[in-house]
Amino acid sequence: MHPPRRATPRRYLMCAPAHFEVTYAINPWMDPAKPVDVPLAVTQWEDLRDRYRSLGHTVVELAPRPGLPDMVFAANGATVVDGQVLGARFAHREREPEAAEHLEWFRAHGFARVREPVHINEGEGDFAVTASYLLAGRGFRASPLSHGEAQEFFGRPVIGLDLVDPRYYHLDTALAVLDDSADDVMYYPPAFSPGSREVLRRLFPDALTATDEDAAVLGLNAVSDGLHVLLPQAATGLLDPLRERGYEPVGVDLSELLKGGGSVKCCTQELRC
């Protein structure tokens, strides 16, 4: 028997894909030869935003900037824990200007403790917050040195996890936190090194593990409020296992944004205050 699930109100930062396009490739999902339907991307993004609001959550918006097509993936801009903001430092020059946009927004909106990082990290792309840990991915984007920086800043134990499959280049493409009050997660084991898989087994012995098929549609790029789990609608194999654990899965179509290598979580930065 799994405990009764309870949704808790969340506050999310999102950025509309008004300037979304794929003109370069910095992950295996991106192909500049494939055209992007911007109006469709905006419609899909608005559906996600409106679903959050219908579930009782607050969504605040970061203004998109011309020339920064990946700003829609707002999760990458920072990590916020207990109202403390660790900004991002992007691995690829194409995304570097996004970091300043995020820091400016936080400073303008009353966040008192905002740190510009020394080491490369891409926000919640590679940092995931559970009740006991700050899980931290590395291998494709984030520097291992960013893990110590985050631990010192947040005062939370950081668990480093090595990613080995380039399709799952950020932690949030391979692992999702289902209940951050109970250390409940779901993840895709083959995305991790053997040692990191063993760490995950030890820390989360009851975790839900995803199949190849569900991982391949970015089914782990999901957002949970403790009850509702918003995830790509193509990840059908995760629906029943989530229900069996007491969650209510909500399928969302972000297929146009998948062309940039992101889905539900990539579009959603949680403001933990």
C-alpha atoms as a PDB file:
ATOM      1  CA  MET A   1       0.000   0.000   0.000  1.00  0.00           C
ATOM      2  CA  HIS A   2       1.248   3.425  -0.911  1.00  0.00           C
ATOM      3  CA  PRO A   3       0.433   6.391   1.343  1.00  0.00           C
ATOM      4  CA  PRO A   4      -2.344   8.793   0.288  1.00  0.00           C
ATOM      5  CA  ARG A   5      -0.993  11.386  -2.096  1.00  0.00           C
ATOM      6  CA  ARG A   6      -1.543  15.081  -1.588  1.00  0.00           C
ATOM      7  CA  ALA A   7      -1.003  17.958  -3.985  1.00  0.00           C
ATOM      8  CA  THR A   8       0.743  21.015  -2.594  1.00  0.00           C
ATOM      9  CA  PRO A   9       0.504  24.425  -4.299  1.00  0.00           C
ATOM     10  CA  ARG A  10       3.588  25.276  -6.306  1.00  0.00           C
ATOM     11  CA  ARG A  11       5.009  28.375  -7.925  1.00  0.00           C
ATOM     12  CA  TYR A  12       6.547  27.972 -11.354  1.00  0.00           C
ATOM     13  CA  LEU A  13       8.568  30.221 -13.655  1.00  0.00           C
ATOM     14  CA  MET A  14       7.960  29.714 -17.374  1.00  0.00           C
ATOM     15  CA  CYS A  15       8.958  31.479 -20.601  1.00  0.00           C
ATOM     16  CA  ALA A  16       6.789  31.450 -23.736  1.00  0.00           C
ATOM     17  CA  PRO A  17       8.349  29.999 -26.902  1.00  0.00           C
ATOM     18  CA  ALA A  18       7.682  33.156 -28.930  1.00  0.00           C
ATOM     19  CA  HIS A  19      11.161  32.949 -30.486  1.00  0.00           C
ATOM     20  CA  PHE A  20      11.559  29.161 -30.441  1.00  0.00           C
ATOM     21  CA  GLU A  21      13.473  27.673 -33.367  1.00  0.00           C
ATOM     22  CA  VAL A  22      16.111  25.042 -33.993  1.00  0.00           C
ATOM     23  CA  THR A  23      18.987  26.657 -35.860  1.00  0.00           C
ATOM     24  CA  TYR A  24      21.805  24.781 -34.114  1.00  0.00           C
ATOM     25  CA  ALA A  25      22.239  21.354 -32.529  1.00  0.00           C
ATOM     26  CA  ILE A  26      23.580  21.043 -28.990  1.00  0.00           C
ATOM     27  CA  ASN A  27      21.851  17.757 -28.139  1.00  0.00           C
ATOM     28  CA  PRO A  28      20.835  14.658 -30.150  1.00  0.00           C
ATOM     29  CA  TRP A  29      17.178  15.730 -30.326  1.00  0.00           C
ATOM     30  CA  MET A  30      17.913  18.914 -32.280  1.00  0.00           C
ATOM     31  CA  ASP A  31      17.942  18.878 -36.082  1.00  0.00           C
ATOM     32  CA  PRO A  32      18.059  22.277 -37.826  1.00  0.00           C
ATOM     33  CA  ALA A  33      16.769  20.596 -40.983  1.00  0.00           C
ATOM     34  CA  LYS A  34      13.396  19.955 -39.358  1.00  0.00           C
ATOM     35  CA  PRO A  35      11.084  22.976 -39.490  1.00  0.00           C
ATOM     36  CA  VAL A  36       9.532  24.319 -36.281  1.00  0.00           C
ATOM     37  CA  ASP A  37       5.885  25.369 -36.092  1.00  0.00           C
ATOM     38  CA  VAL A  38       6.091  28.307 -33.673  1.00  0.00           C
ATOM     39  CA  PRO A  39       2.312  28.891 -33.343  1.00  0.00           C
ATOM     40  CA  LEU A  40       1.876  25.205 -32.487  1.00  0.00           C
ATOM     41  CA  ALA A  41       4.723  25.375 -29.969  1.00  0.00           C
ATOM     42  CA  VAL A  42       3.070  28.391 -28.322  1.00  0.00           C
ATOM     43  CA  THR A  43      -0.315  26.631 -28.217  1.00  0.00           C
ATOM     44  CA  GLN A  44       1.198  23.525 -26.604  1.00  0.00           C
ATOM     45  CA  TRP A  45       3.131  25.625 -24.098  1.00  0.00           C
ATOM     46  CA  GLU A  46       0.013  27.618 -23.181  1.00  0.00           C
ATOM     47  CA  ASP A  47      -1.839  24.368 -22.574  1.00  0.00           C
ATOM     48  CA  LEU A  48       0.842  23.297 -20.081  1.00  0.00           C
ATOM     49  CA  ARG A  49       0.754  26.688 -18.355  1.00  0.00           C
ATOM     50  CA  ASP A  50      -3.034  26.646 -18.140  1.00  0.00           C
ATOM     51  CA  ARG A  51      -3.044  23.096 -16.744  1.00  0.00           C
ATOM     52  CA  TYR A  52      -0.777  24.204 -13.916  1.00  0.00           C
ATOM     53  CA  ARG A  53      -3.121  27.062 -13.111  1.00  0.00           C
ATOM     54  CA  SER A  54      -6.184  24.825 -13.264  1.00  0.00           C
ATOM     55  CA  LEU A  55      -4.528  22.588 -10.647  1.00  0.00           C
ATOM     56  CA  GLY A  56      -4.134  25.545  -8.292  1.00  0.00           C
ATOM     57  CA  HIS A  57      -0.520  26.436  -8.995  1.00  0.00           C
ATOM     58  CA  THR A  58       0.931  29.884  -9.655  1.00  0.00           C
ATOM     59  CA  VAL A  59       2.742  30.497 -12.924  1.00  0.00           C
ATOM     60  CA  VAL A  60       4.848  33.610 -13.396  1.00  0.00           C
ATOM     61  CA  GLU A  61       6.394  34.385 -16.754  1.00  0.00           C
ATOM     62  CA  LEU A  62       9.850  35.427 -17.857  1.00  0.00           C
ATOM     63  CA  ALA A  63       9.766  37.599 -20.990  1.00  0.00           C
ATOM     64  CA  PRO A  64      11.242  35.806 -24.010  1.00  0.00           C
ATOM     65  CA  ARG A  65      14.079  37.529 -25.852  1.00  0.00           C
ATOM     66  CA  PRO A  66      14.729  37.501 -29.624  1.00  0.00           C
ATOM     67  CA  GLY A  67      17.783  35.477 -30.525  1.00  0.00           C
ATOM     68  CA  LEU A  68      17.450  33.178 -27.497  1.00  0.00           C
ATOM     69  CA  PRO A  69      15.298  30.346 -28.856  1.00  0.00           C
ATOM     70  CA  ASP A  70      15.949  27.999 -25.924  1.00  0.00           C
ATOM     71  CA  MET A  71      14.665  30.378 -23.230  1.00  0.00           C
ATOM     72  CA  VAL A  72      11.435  28.377 -23.318  1.00  0.00           C
ATOM     73  CA  PHE A  73      13.368  25.719 -21.396  1.00  0.00           C
ATOM     74  CA  ALA A  74      13.174  27.826 -18.242  1.00  0.00           C
ATOM     75  CA  ALA A  75      14.211  25.002 -15.914  1.00  0.00           C
ATOM     76  CA  ASN A  76      17.790  25.522 -17.044  1.00  0.00           C
ATOM     77  CA  GLY A  77      18.074  29.116 -15.845  1.00  0.00           C
ATOM     78  CA  ALA A  78      18.530  28.567 -12.097  1.00  0.00           C
ATOM     79  CA  THR A  79      17.863  26.349  -9.093  1.00  0.00           C
ATOM     80  CA  VAL A  80      15.793  27.770  -6.235  1.00  0.00           C
ATOM     81  CA  VAL A  81      15.714  26.152  -2.789  1.00  0.00           C
ATOM     82  CA  ASP A  82      14.283  27.859   0.311  1.00  0.00           C
ATOM     83  CA  GLY A  83      14.185  31.138  -1.588  1.00  0.00           C
ATOM     84  CA  GLN A  84      17.905  30.958  -2.381  1.00  0.00           C
ATOM     85  CA  VAL A  85      18.823  31.209  -6.051  1.00  0.00           C
ATOM     86  CA  LEU A  86      21.828  29.530  -7.648  1.00  0.00           C
ATOM     87  CA  GLY A  87      22.024  30.865 -11.173  1.00  0.00           C
ATOM     88  CA  ALA A  88      23.134  28.973 -14.257  1.00  0.00           C
ATOM     89  CA  ARG A  89      26.342  28.999 -16.254  1.00  0.00           C
ATOM     90  CA  PHE A  90      25.680  27.357 -19.608  1.00  0.00           C
ATOM     91  CA  ALA A  91      27.999  24.915 -21.313  1.00  0.00           C
ATOM     92  CA  HIS A  92      27.260  26.146 -24.845  1.00  0.00           C
ATOM     93  CA  ARG A  93      27.810  29.720 -26.006  1.00  0.00           C
ATOM     94  CA  GLU A  94      24.445  29.762 -27.790  1.00  0.00           C
ATOM     95  CA  ARG A  95      22.676  29.734 -24.421  1.00  0.00           C
ATOM     96  CA  GLU A  96      25.090  31.839 -22.361  1.00  0.00           C
ATOM     97  CA  PRO A  97      22.986  35.064 -22.467  1.00  0.00           C
ATOM     98  CA  GLU A  98      20.022  33.274 -20.858  1.00  0.00           C
ATOM     99  CA  ALA A  99      21.830  33.159 -17.520  1.00  0.00           C
ATOM    100  CA  ALA A 100      21.841  36.944 -17.146  1.00  0.00           C
ATOM    101  CA  GLU A 101      18.152  37.172 -18.070  1.00  0.00           C
ATOM    102  CA  HIS A 102      17.269  34.805 -15.244  1.00  0.00           C
ATOM    103  CA  LEU A 103      19.476  36.496 -12.668  1.00  0.00           C
ATOM    104  CA  GLU A 104      18.016  39.887 -13.573  1.00  0.00           C
ATOM    105  CA  TRP A 105      14.488  38.516 -13.131  1.00  0.00           C
ATOM    106  CA  PHE A 106      15.238  37.093  -9.683  1.00  0.00           C
ATOM    107  CA  ARG A 107      16.895  40.286  -8.469  1.00  0.00           C
ATOM    108  CA  ALA A 108      13.988  42.366  -9.776  1.00  0.00           C
ATOM    109  CA  HIS A 109      11.443  40.156  -8.003  1.00  0.00           C
ATOM    110  CA  GLY A 110      12.745  40.393  -4.465  1.00  0.00           C
ATOM    111  CA  PHE A 111      14.986  37.331  -4.147  1.00  0.00           C
ATOM    112  CA  ALA A 112      17.594  38.475  -1.656  1.00  0.00           C
ATOM    113  CA  ARG A 113      20.157  35.703  -1.932  1.00  0.00           C
ATOM    114  CA  VAL A 114      21.129  35.223  -5.568  1.00  0.00           C
ATOM    115  CA  ARG A 115      24.447  33.661  -6.535  1.00  0.00           C
ATOM    116  CA  GLU A 116      26.084  33.852  -9.941  1.00  0.00           C
ATOM    117  CA  PRO A 117      27.882  30.509 -10.198  1.00  0.00           C
ATOM    118  CA  VAL A 118      31.559  29.966 -10.808  1.00  0.00           C
ATOM    119  CA  HIS A 119      31.172  26.501 -12.352  1.00  0.00           C
ATOM    120  CA  ILE A 120      29.021  25.254 -15.210  1.00  0.00           C
ATOM    121  CA  ASN A 121      25.555  24.132 -14.197  1.00  0.00           C
ATOM    122  CA  GLU A 122      22.307  24.325 -16.123  1.00  0.00           C
ATOM    123  CA  GLY A 123      19.883  24.825 -13.293  1.00  0.00           C
ATOM    124  CA  GLU A 124      17.184  22.260 -12.731  1.00  0.00           C
ATOM    125  CA  GLY A 125      18.329  20.498 -15.851  1.00  0.00           C
ATOM    126  CA  ASP A 126      20.921  18.807 -13.663  1.00  0.00           C
ATOM    127  CA  PHE A 127      19.733  19.541 -10.109  1.00  0.00           C
ATOM    128  CA  ALA A 128      16.708  17.740  -8.627  1.00  0.00           C
ATOM    129  CA  VAL A 129      15.447  18.455  -5.119  1.00  0.00           C
ATOM    130  CA  THR A 130      14.129  15.691  -2.856  1.00  0.00           C
ATOM    131  CA  ALA A 131      13.364  15.769   0.856  1.00  0.00           C
ATOM    132  CA  SER A 132      16.806  14.482   1.798  1.00  0.00           C
ATOM    133  CA  TYR A 133      19.106  15.274  -1.114  1.00  0.00           C
ATOM    134  CA  LEU A 134      20.037  17.509  -3.974  1.00  0.00           C
ATOM    135  CA  LEU A 135      20.557  15.058  -6.831  1.00  0.00           C
ATOM    136  CA  ALA A 136      23.091  16.367  -9.328  1.00  0.00           C
ATOM    137  CA  GLY A 137      23.763  15.099 -12.837  1.00  0.00           C
ATOM    138  CA  ARG A 138      27.082  15.310 -14.653  1.00  0.00           C
ATOM    139  CA  GLY A 139      28.680  13.927 -17.780  1.00  0.00           C
ATOM    140  CA  PHE A 140      27.406  16.116 -20.607  1.00  0.00           C
ATOM    141  CA  ARG A 141      26.712  19.631 -19.303  1.00  0.00           C
ATOM    142  CA  ALA A 142      27.253  20.348 -15.597  1.00  0.00           C
ATOM    143  CA  SER A 143      30.772  20.446 -14.198  1.00  0.00           C
ATOM    144  CA  PRO A 144      31.418  18.105 -11.262  1.00  0.00           C
ATOM    145  CA  LEU A 145      32.748  21.198  -9.475  1.00  0.00           C
ATOM    146  CA  SER A 146      29.245  22.670  -9.540  1.00  0.00           C
ATOM    147  CA  HIS A 147      28.133  19.980  -7.098  1.00  0.00           C
ATOM    148  CA  GLY A 148      30.356  21.266  -4.307  1.00  0.00           C
ATOM    149  CA  GLU A 149      29.351  24.821  -5.125  1.00  0.00           C
ATOM    150  CA  ALA A 150      25.671  23.900  -4.795  1.00  0.00           C
ATOM    151  CA  GLN A 151      26.219  22.017  -1.541  1.00  0.00           C
ATOM    152  CA  GLU A 152      27.999  24.970   0.036  1.00  0.00           C
ATOM    153  CA  PHE A 153      25.359  27.424  -1.162  1.00  0.00           C
ATOM    154  CA  PHE A 154      22.225  25.468  -0.241  1.00  0.00           C
ATOM    155  CA  GLY A 155      23.603  23.527   2.729  1.00  0.00           C
ATOM    156  CA  ARG A 156      22.059  20.312   1.457  1.00  0.00           C
ATOM    157  CA  PRO A 157      23.836  17.017   0.757  1.00  0.00           C
ATOM    158  CA  VAL A 158      24.533  16.675  -2.955  1.00  0.00           C
ATOM    159  CA  ILE A 159      24.516  13.246  -4.606  1.00  0.00           C
ATOM    160  CA  GLY A 160      26.443  13.165  -7.883  1.00  0.00           C
ATOM    161  CA  LEU A 161      25.049  10.967 -10.659  1.00  0.00           C
ATOM    162  CA  ASP A 162      26.886  10.183 -13.899  1.00  0.00           C
ATOM    163  CA  LEU A 163      24.897  10.310 -17.144  1.00  0.00           C
ATOM    164  CA  VAL A 164      26.250   8.116 -19.954  1.00  0.00           C
ATOM    165  CA  ASP A 165      23.700   8.276 -22.806  1.00  0.00           C
ATOM    166  CA  PRO A 166      23.849  11.512 -24.869  1.00  0.00           C
ATOM    167  CA  ARG A 167      20.089  11.388 -25.491  1.00  0.00           C
ATOM    168  CA  TYR A 168      19.666  11.940 -21.764  1.00  0.00           C
ATOM    169  CA  TYR A 169      22.096  14.806 -21.493  1.00  0.00           C
ATOM    170  CA  HIS A 170      20.448  16.428 -18.446  1.00  0.00           C
ATOM    171  CA  LEU A 171      19.349  14.746 -15.244  1.00  0.00           C
ATOM    172  CA  ASP A 172      15.778  15.923 -15.837  1.00  0.00           C
ATOM    173  CA  THR A 173      15.577  13.827 -19.002  1.00  0.00           C
ATOM    174  CA  ALA A 174      16.359  10.660 -17.036  1.00  0.00           C
ATOM    175  CA  LEU A 175      14.896  11.220 -13.560  1.00  0.00           C
ATOM    176  CA  ALA A 176      11.847  12.941 -12.069  1.00  0.00           C
ATOM    177  CA  VAL A 177      10.977  13.678  -8.449  1.00  0.00           C
ATOM    178  CA  LEU A 178       7.454  12.418  -7.758  1.00  0.00           C
ATOM    179  CA  ASP A 179       7.127  13.426  -4.111  1.00  0.00           C
ATOM    180  CA  ASP A 180       9.719  15.783  -2.716  1.00  0.00           C
ATOM    181  CA  SER A 181       8.429  15.248   0.811  1.00  0.00           C
ATOM    182  CA  ALA A 182       8.969  11.491   0.711  1.00  0.00           C
ATOM    183  CA  ASP A 183      12.049  10.966  -1.496  1.00  0.00           C
ATOM    184  CA  ASP A 184       9.956   9.298  -4.204  1.00  0.00           C
ATOM    185  CA  VAL A 185      11.419   9.363  -7.718  1.00  0.00           C
ATOM    186  CA  MET A 186      11.180   7.658 -11.070  1.00  0.00           C
ATOM    187  CA  TYR A 187      14.139   7.196 -13.393  1.00  0.00           C
ATOM    188  CA  TYR A 188      15.563   5.397 -16.423  1.00  0.00           C
ATOM    189  CA  PRO A 189      18.438   3.133 -15.282  1.00  0.00           C
ATOM    190  CA  PRO A 190      20.338   2.835 -18.612  1.00  0.00           C
ATOM    191  CA  ALA A 191      20.865   6.604 -18.674  1.00  0.00           C
ATOM    192  CA  PHE A 192      23.226   6.261 -15.700  1.00  0.00           C
ATOM    193  CA  SER A 193      26.623   4.689 -15.135  1.00  0.00           C
ATOM    194  CA  PRO A 194      26.668   1.339 -13.278  1.00  0.00           C
ATOM    195  CA  GLY A 195      27.861   2.981 -10.077  1.00  0.00           C
ATOM    196  CA  SER A 196      25.205   5.688 -10.246  1.00  0.00           C
ATOM    197  CA  ARG A 197      22.511   3.068 -10.857  1.00  0.00           C
ATOM    198  CA  GLU A 198      23.628   1.339  -7.667  1.00  0.00           C
ATOM    199  CA  VAL A 199      23.500   4.636  -5.766  1.00  0.00           C
ATOM    200  CA  LEU A 200      19.943   5.202  -6.986  1.00  0.00           C
ATOM    201  CA  ARG A 201      18.951   1.662  -5.991  1.00  0.00           C
ATOM    202  CA  ARG A 202      20.325   2.212  -2.495  1.00  0.00           C
ATOM    203  CA  LEU A 203      18.773   5.640  -1.982  1.00  0.00           C
ATOM    204  CA  PHE A 204      15.442   4.909  -3.654  1.00  0.00           C
ATOM    205  CA  PRO A 205      14.797   1.149  -3.454  1.00  0.00           C
ATOM    206  CA  ASP A 206      11.084   1.571  -4.247  1.00  0.00           C
ATOM    207  CA  ALA A 207      11.542   3.950  -7.179  1.00  0.00           C
ATOM    208  CA  LEU A 208       9.543   3.544 -10.363  1.00  0.00           C
ATOM    209  CA  THR A 209      11.819   2.683 -13.292  1.00  0.00           C
ATOM    210  CA  ALA A 210      10.939   3.561 -16.865  1.00  0.00           C
ATOM    211  CA  THR A 211      11.152   1.415 -19.990  1.00  0.00           C
ATOM    212  CA  ASP A 212      13.205   2.247 -23.064  1.00  0.00           C
ATOM    213  CA  GLU A 213      10.031   3.277 -24.888  1.00  0.00           C
ATOM    214  CA  ASP A 214       8.888   5.772 -22.255  1.00  0.00           C
ATOM    215  CA  ALA A 215      12.353   7.249 -21.805  1.00  0.00           C
ATOM    216  CA  ALA A 216      12.675   7.692 -25.575  1.00  0.00           C
ATOM    217  CA  VAL A 217       9.725  10.122 -25.639  1.00  0.00           C
ATOM    218  CA  LEU A 218      11.202  12.035 -22.665  1.00  0.00           C
ATOM    219  CA  GLY A 219       8.653  10.511 -20.331  1.00  0.00           C
ATOM    220  CA  LEU A 220      10.926  11.244 -17.360  1.00  0.00           C
ATOM    221  CA  ASN A 221      10.870  14.963 -18.151  1.00  0.00           C
ATOM    222  CA  ALA A 222       7.914  15.360 -15.826  1.00  0.00           C
ATOM    223  CA  VAL A 223       6.652  17.649 -13.064  1.00  0.00           C
ATOM    224  CA  SER A 224       4.799  16.473  -9.960  1.00  0.00           C
ATOM    225  CA  ASP A 225       3.005  18.417  -7.228  1.00  0.00           C
ATOM    226  CA  GLY A 226       2.897  15.349  -4.993  1.00  0.00           C
ATOM    227  CA  LEU A 227      -0.311  14.059  -6.567  1.00  0.00           C
ATOM    228  CA  HIS A 228      -0.612  15.158 -10.186  1.00  0.00           C
ATOM    229  CA  VAL A 229       2.234  14.129 -12.474  1.00  0.00           C
ATOM    230  CA  LEU A 230       2.360  16.107 -15.714  1.00  0.00           C
ATOM    231  CA  LEU A 231       4.343  14.205 -18.319  1.00  0.00           C
ATOM    232  CA  PRO A 232       4.548  13.747 -22.100  1.00  0.00           C
ATOM    233  CA  GLN A 233       1.354  12.079 -23.294  1.00  0.00           C
ATOM    234  CA  ALA A 234       3.345   9.647 -25.441  1.00  0.00           C
ATOM    235  CA  ALA A 235       4.793   8.020 -22.293  1.00  0.00           C
ATOM    236  CA  THR A 236       1.811   5.697 -21.997  1.00  0.00           C
ATOM    237  CA  GLY A 237       3.732   2.947 -20.216  1.00  0.00           C
ATOM    238  CA  LEU A 238       4.150   5.150 -17.150  1.00  0.00           C
ATOM    239  CA  LEU A 239       0.456   5.881 -16.657  1.00  0.00           C
ATOM    240  CA  ASP A 240      -0.694   2.697 -14.922  1.00  0.00           C
ATOM    241  CA  PRO A 241       2.424   2.353 -12.724  1.00  0.00           C
ATOM    242  CA  LEU A 242       1.917   5.926 -11.541  1.00  0.00           C
ATOM    243  CA  ARG A 243      -1.756   5.280 -10.783  1.00  0.00           C
ATOM    244  CA  GLU A 244      -0.834   2.140  -8.867  1.00  0.00           C
ATOM    245  CA  ARG A 245       1.348   4.310  -6.636  1.00  0.00           C
ATOM    246  CA  GLY A 246      -1.501   6.723  -5.970  1.00  0.00           C
ATOM    247  CA  TYR A 247      -0.524   9.458  -8.406  1.00  0.00           C
ATOM    248  CA  GLU A 248      -2.752  11.048 -11.026  1.00  0.00           C
ATOM    249  CA  PRO A 249      -0.859  11.248 -14.323  1.00  0.00           C
ATOM    250  CA  VAL A 250      -1.740  14.085 -16.685  1.00  0.00           C
ATOM    251  CA  GLY A 251      -0.577  13.614 -20.264  1.00  0.00           C
ATOM    252  CA  VAL A 252       0.558  16.748 -22.085  1.00  0.00           C
ATOM    253  CA  ASP A 253       1.452  17.183 -25.762  1.00  0.00           C
ATOM    254  CA  LEU A 254       4.672  19.169 -26.153  1.00  0.00           C
ATOM    255  CA  SER A 255       5.767  17.385 -29.310  1.00  0.00           C
ATOM    256  CA  GLU A 256       6.850  20.597 -31.034  1.00  0.00           C
ATOM    257  CA  LEU A 257       9.169  21.527 -28.182  1.00  0.00           C
ATOM    258  CA  LEU A 258      10.626  18.018 -28.226  1.00  0.00           C
ATOM    259  CA  LYS A 259      12.409  19.169 -31.395  1.00  0.00           C
ATOM    260  CA  GLY A 260      14.581  21.242 -29.080  1.00  0.00           C
ATOM    261  CA  GLY A 261      15.196  18.340 -26.719  1.00  0.00           C
ATOM    262  CA  GLY A 262      12.776  19.339 -23.972  1.00  0.00           C
ATOM    263  CA  SER A 263       9.349  18.650 -22.578  1.00  0.00           C
ATOM    264  CA  VAL A 264       7.308  19.341 -19.436  1.00  0.00           C
ATOM    265  CA  LYS A 265      10.090  19.733 -16.870  1.00  0.00           C
ATOM    266  CA  CYS A 266      12.396  21.602 -19.217  1.00  0.00           C
ATOM    267  CA  CYS A 267       9.702  24.263 -19.556  1.00  0.00           C
ATOM    268  CA  THR A 268       9.135  24.536 -15.814  1.00  0.00           C
ATOM    269  CA  GLN A 269      11.393  26.013 -13.150  1.00  0.00           C
ATOM    270  CA  GLU A 270      10.083  25.580  -9.608  1.00  0.00           C
ATOM    271  CA  LEU A 271      10.353  28.576  -7.286  1.00  0.00           C
ATOM    272  CA  ARG A 272      10.820  26.956  -3.874  1.00  0.00           C
ATOM    273  CA  CYS A 273      10.369  29.783  -1.394  1.00  0.00           C
END
